[in-house]
């Protein structure tokens, strides 16, 4: 029974990872739509987000193969792998996407790049 639950967990994480990667690639493909203007923030973070989306796709495929063809699962090892995957792929994307809405992150971005935060929002 535990093996079935763990296999379903692995496959669920794989499905979520693949859907997130697909969503992020579609979002990155829509940058600049409809007028073609790409904000400086989008230009600066685009390559990083592409790498993170590709990493999320790769880890989704890894967990899919692991869930379909893996022999045995251990709860601690599986939980650690999923946690590491989430910390290395999902968390950084959420931080970068929410950066314009955070004063601390905006100040750090402005200090690192010596430019004002311009994410296209405003009036």
C-alpha atoms as a PDB file:
ATOM      1  CA  UNK A   1       0.000   0.000   0.000  1.00  0.00           C
ATOM      2  CA  UNK A   2       2.806   2.409   0.883  1.00  0.00           C
ATOM      3  CA  UNK A   3       4.431   1.788  -2.488  1.00  0.00           C
ATOM      4  CA  UNK A   4       1.234   2.763  -4.315  1.00  0.00           C
ATOM      5  CA  UNK A   5       0.865   5.957  -2.285  1.00  0.00           C
ATOM      6  CA  UNK A   6       4.492   6.905  -2.922  1.00  0.00           C
ATOM      7  CA  UNK A   7       4.191   6.148  -6.638  1.00  0.00           C
ATOM      8  CA  UNK A   8       1.070   8.330  -6.863  1.00  0.00           C
ATOM      9  CA  UNK A   9       2.912  11.093  -4.987  1.00  0.00           C
ATOM     10  CA  UNK A  10       5.823  10.930  -7.424  1.00  0.00           C
ATOM     11  CA  UNK A  11       3.503  10.980 -10.423  1.00  0.00           C
ATOM     12  CA  UNK A  12       1.503  13.874  -8.960  1.00  0.00           C
ATOM     13  CA  UNK A  13       4.687  15.897  -8.429  1.00  0.00           C
ATOM     14  CA  UNK A  14       5.796  15.049 -11.971  1.00  0.00           C
ATOM     15  CA  UNK A  15       2.457  16.211 -13.368  1.00  0.00           C
ATOM     16  CA  UNK A  16       2.563  19.430 -11.365  1.00  0.00           C
ATOM     17  CA  UNK A  17       6.145  20.108 -12.464  1.00  0.00           C
ATOM     18  CA  UNK A  18       5.337  19.516 -16.117  1.00  0.00           C
ATOM     19  CA  UNK A  19       2.265  21.761 -15.937  1.00  0.00           C
ATOM     20  CA  UNK A  20       4.233  24.526 -14.207  1.00  0.00           C
ATOM     21  CA  UNK A  21       7.000  24.312 -16.814  1.00  0.00           C
ATOM     22  CA  UNK A  22       4.454  24.475 -19.628  1.00  0.00           C
ATOM     23  CA  UNK A  23       2.727  27.454 -17.997  1.00  0.00           C
ATOM     24  CA  UNK A  24       6.010  29.301 -17.502  1.00  0.00           C
ATOM     25  CA  UNK A  25       7.143  28.667 -21.090  1.00  0.00           C
ATOM     26  CA  UNK A  26       3.817  30.011 -22.386  1.00  0.00           C
ATOM     27  CA  UNK A  27       4.143  33.085 -20.139  1.00  0.00           C
ATOM     28  CA  UNK A  28       7.708  33.677 -21.343  1.00  0.00           C
ATOM     29  CA  UNK A  29       6.559  33.322 -24.929  1.00  0.00           C
ATOM     30  CA  UNK A  30       3.913  36.000 -24.365  1.00  0.00           C
ATOM     31  CA  UNK A  31       6.354  38.614 -23.025  1.00  0.00           C
ATOM     32  CA  UNK A  32       5.889  41.762 -25.055  1.00  0.00           C
ATOM     33  CA  UNK A  33       2.432  40.833 -26.320  1.00  0.00           C
ATOM     34  CA  UNK A  34       0.551  42.648 -27.878  1.00  0.00           C
ATOM     35  CA  UNK A  35       2.669  45.715 -28.612  1.00  0.00           C
ATOM     36  CA  UNK A  36       6.145  44.184 -28.553  1.00  0.00           C
ATOM     37  CA  UNK A  37       7.386  46.258 -25.593  1.00  0.00           C
ATOM     38  CA  UNK A  38       9.552  44.245 -23.217  1.00  0.00           C
ATOM     39  CA  UNK A  39      10.220  45.914 -19.883  1.00  0.00           C
ATOM     40  CA  UNK A  40      13.760  46.176 -18.554  1.00  0.00           C
ATOM     41  CA  UNK A  41      12.785  43.868 -15.692  1.00  0.00           C
ATOM     42  CA  UNK A  42      11.524  41.237 -18.155  1.00  0.00           C
ATOM     43  CA  UNK A  43      14.731  41.546 -20.208  1.00  0.00           C
ATOM     44  CA  UNK A  44      16.849  41.150 -17.085  1.00  0.00           C
ATOM     45  CA  UNK A  45      14.970  38.180 -15.668  1.00  0.00           C
ATOM     46  CA  UNK A  46      14.019  36.406 -18.915  1.00  0.00           C
ATOM     47  CA  UNK A  47      17.133  34.223 -19.253  1.00  0.00           C
ATOM     48  CA  UNK A  48      16.944  33.170 -15.598  1.00  0.00           C
ATOM     49  CA  UNK A  49      13.270  32.274 -15.922  1.00  0.00           C
ATOM     50  CA  UNK A  50      13.986  30.261 -19.098  1.00  0.00           C
ATOM     51  CA  UNK A  51      16.659  28.254 -17.265  1.00  0.00           C
ATOM     52  CA  UNK A  52      14.367  27.672 -14.284  1.00  0.00           C
ATOM     53  CA  UNK A  53      11.476  26.599 -16.533  1.00  0.00           C
ATOM     54  CA  UNK A  54      13.780  24.168 -18.346  1.00  0.00           C
ATOM     55  CA  UNK A  55      14.982  22.814 -14.986  1.00  0.00           C
ATOM     56  CA  UNK A  56      11.377  22.366 -13.881  1.00  0.00           C
ATOM     57  CA  UNK A  57      10.646  20.494 -17.115  1.00  0.00           C
ATOM     58  CA  UNK A  58      13.688  18.268 -16.584  1.00  0.00           C
ATOM     59  CA  UNK A  59      12.781  17.461 -13.003  1.00  0.00           C
ATOM     60  CA  UNK A  60       9.195  16.761 -14.080  1.00  0.00           C
ATOM     61  CA  UNK A  61      10.458  14.262 -16.640  1.00  0.00           C
ATOM     62  CA  UNK A  62      12.802  12.742 -14.040  1.00  0.00           C
ATOM     63  CA  UNK A  63       9.975  12.210 -11.554  1.00  0.00           C
ATOM     64  CA  UNK A  64       7.691  10.908 -14.304  1.00  0.00           C
ATOM     65  CA  UNK A  65      10.255   8.273 -15.303  1.00  0.00           C
ATOM     66  CA  UNK A  66      10.943   7.525 -11.666  1.00  0.00           C
ATOM     67  CA  UNK A  67       7.231   7.119 -10.947  1.00  0.00           C
ATOM     68  CA  UNK A  68       6.581   4.910 -13.964  1.00  0.00           C
ATOM     69  CA  UNK A  69       9.718   2.783 -13.994  1.00  0.00           C
ATOM     70  CA  UNK A  70      11.216   3.125 -10.494  1.00  0.00           C
ATOM     71  CA  UNK A  71      11.613  -0.041  -8.465  1.00  0.00           C
ATOM     72  CA  UNK A  72      11.340   1.027  -4.846  1.00  0.00           C
ATOM     73  CA  UNK A  73      10.669   4.230  -2.998  1.00  0.00           C
ATOM     74  CA  UNK A  74      11.730   5.326   0.424  1.00  0.00           C
ATOM     75  CA  UNK A  75       9.723   8.007   2.189  1.00  0.00           C
ATOM     76  CA  UNK A  76      12.700  10.063   3.449  1.00  0.00           C
ATOM     77  CA  UNK A  77      14.549   9.923   0.117  1.00  0.00           C
ATOM     78  CA  UNK A  78      11.463  10.788  -1.894  1.00  0.00           C
ATOM     79  CA  UNK A  79      10.479  13.653   0.381  1.00  0.00           C
ATOM     80  CA  UNK A  80      14.025  15.025   0.231  1.00  0.00           C
ATOM     81  CA  UNK A  81      14.124  14.819  -3.581  1.00  0.00           C
ATOM     82  CA  UNK A  82      10.799  16.620  -3.939  1.00  0.00           C
ATOM     83  CA  UNK A  83      11.849  19.279  -1.434  1.00  0.00           C
ATOM     84  CA  UNK A  84      15.149  19.872  -3.234  1.00  0.00           C
ATOM     85  CA  UNK A  85      13.378  20.053  -6.598  1.00  0.00           C
ATOM     86  CA  UNK A  86      10.878  22.566  -5.243  1.00  0.00           C
ATOM     87  CA  UNK A  87      13.570  24.728  -3.654  1.00  0.00           C
ATOM     88  CA  UNK A  88      15.754  24.743  -6.780  1.00  0.00           C
ATOM     89  CA  UNK A  89      13.054  25.321  -9.405  1.00  0.00           C
ATOM     90  CA  UNK A  90       9.696  26.478  -8.093  1.00  0.00           C
ATOM     91  CA  UNK A  91      10.745  28.791  -5.253  1.00  0.00           C
ATOM     92  CA  UNK A  92      13.145  30.956  -7.330  1.00  0.00           C
ATOM     93  CA  UNK A  93      10.502  31.473 -10.019  1.00  0.00           C
ATOM     94  CA  UNK A  94       7.984  32.590  -7.417  1.00  0.00           C
ATOM     95  CA  UNK A  95      10.524  34.995  -5.917  1.00  0.00           C
ATOM     96  CA  UNK A  96      11.401  36.531  -9.301  1.00  0.00           C
ATOM     97  CA  UNK A  97       7.771  36.820 -10.402  1.00  0.00           C
ATOM     98  CA  UNK A  98       6.714  38.482  -7.139  1.00  0.00           C
ATOM     99  CA  UNK A  99       9.752  40.758  -6.896  1.00  0.00           C
ATOM    100  CA  UNK A 100       8.066  43.897  -8.313  1.00  0.00           C
ATOM    101  CA  UNK A 101       5.416  43.661  -5.585  1.00  0.00           C
ATOM    102  CA  UNK A 102       7.948  43.415  -2.739  1.00  0.00           C
ATOM    103  CA  UNK A 103       9.703  46.531  -1.460  1.00  0.00           C
ATOM    104  CA  UNK A 104      12.682  44.558  -0.196  1.00  0.00           C
ATOM    105  CA  UNK A 105      13.145  42.711  -3.462  1.00  0.00           C
ATOM    106  CA  UNK A 106      12.655  45.885  -5.511  1.00  0.00           C
ATOM    107  CA  UNK A 107      15.300  47.693  -3.468  1.00  0.00           C
ATOM    108  CA  UNK A 108      17.716  44.781  -3.856  1.00  0.00           C
ATOM    109  CA  UNK A 109      17.110  44.713  -7.634  1.00  0.00           C
ATOM    110  CA  UNK A 110      17.697  48.460  -7.886  1.00  0.00           C
ATOM    111  CA  UNK A 111      20.879  48.221  -5.805  1.00  0.00           C
ATOM    112  CA  UNK A 112      22.261  45.347  -7.888  1.00  0.00           C
ATOM    113  CA  UNK A 113      21.427  46.785 -11.305  1.00  0.00           C
ATOM    114  CA  UNK A 114      21.670  50.525 -10.569  1.00  0.00           C
ATOM    115  CA  UNK A 115      18.349  50.977 -12.393  1.00  0.00           C
ATOM    116  CA  UNK A 116      14.824  51.663 -11.249  1.00  0.00           C
ATOM    117  CA  UNK A 117      12.409  48.758 -11.115  1.00  0.00           C
ATOM    118  CA  UNK A 118      10.344  48.928 -14.306  1.00  0.00           C
ATOM    119  CA  UNK A 119       8.011  45.996 -14.652  1.00  0.00           C
ATOM    120  CA  UNK A 120       5.561  47.792 -16.928  1.00  0.00           C
ATOM    121  CA  UNK A 121       3.056  48.497 -14.175  1.00  0.00           C
ATOM    122  CA  UNK A 122       2.089  52.001 -13.335  1.00  0.00           C
ATOM    123  CA  UNK A 123       0.351  54.901 -14.946  1.00  0.00           C
END
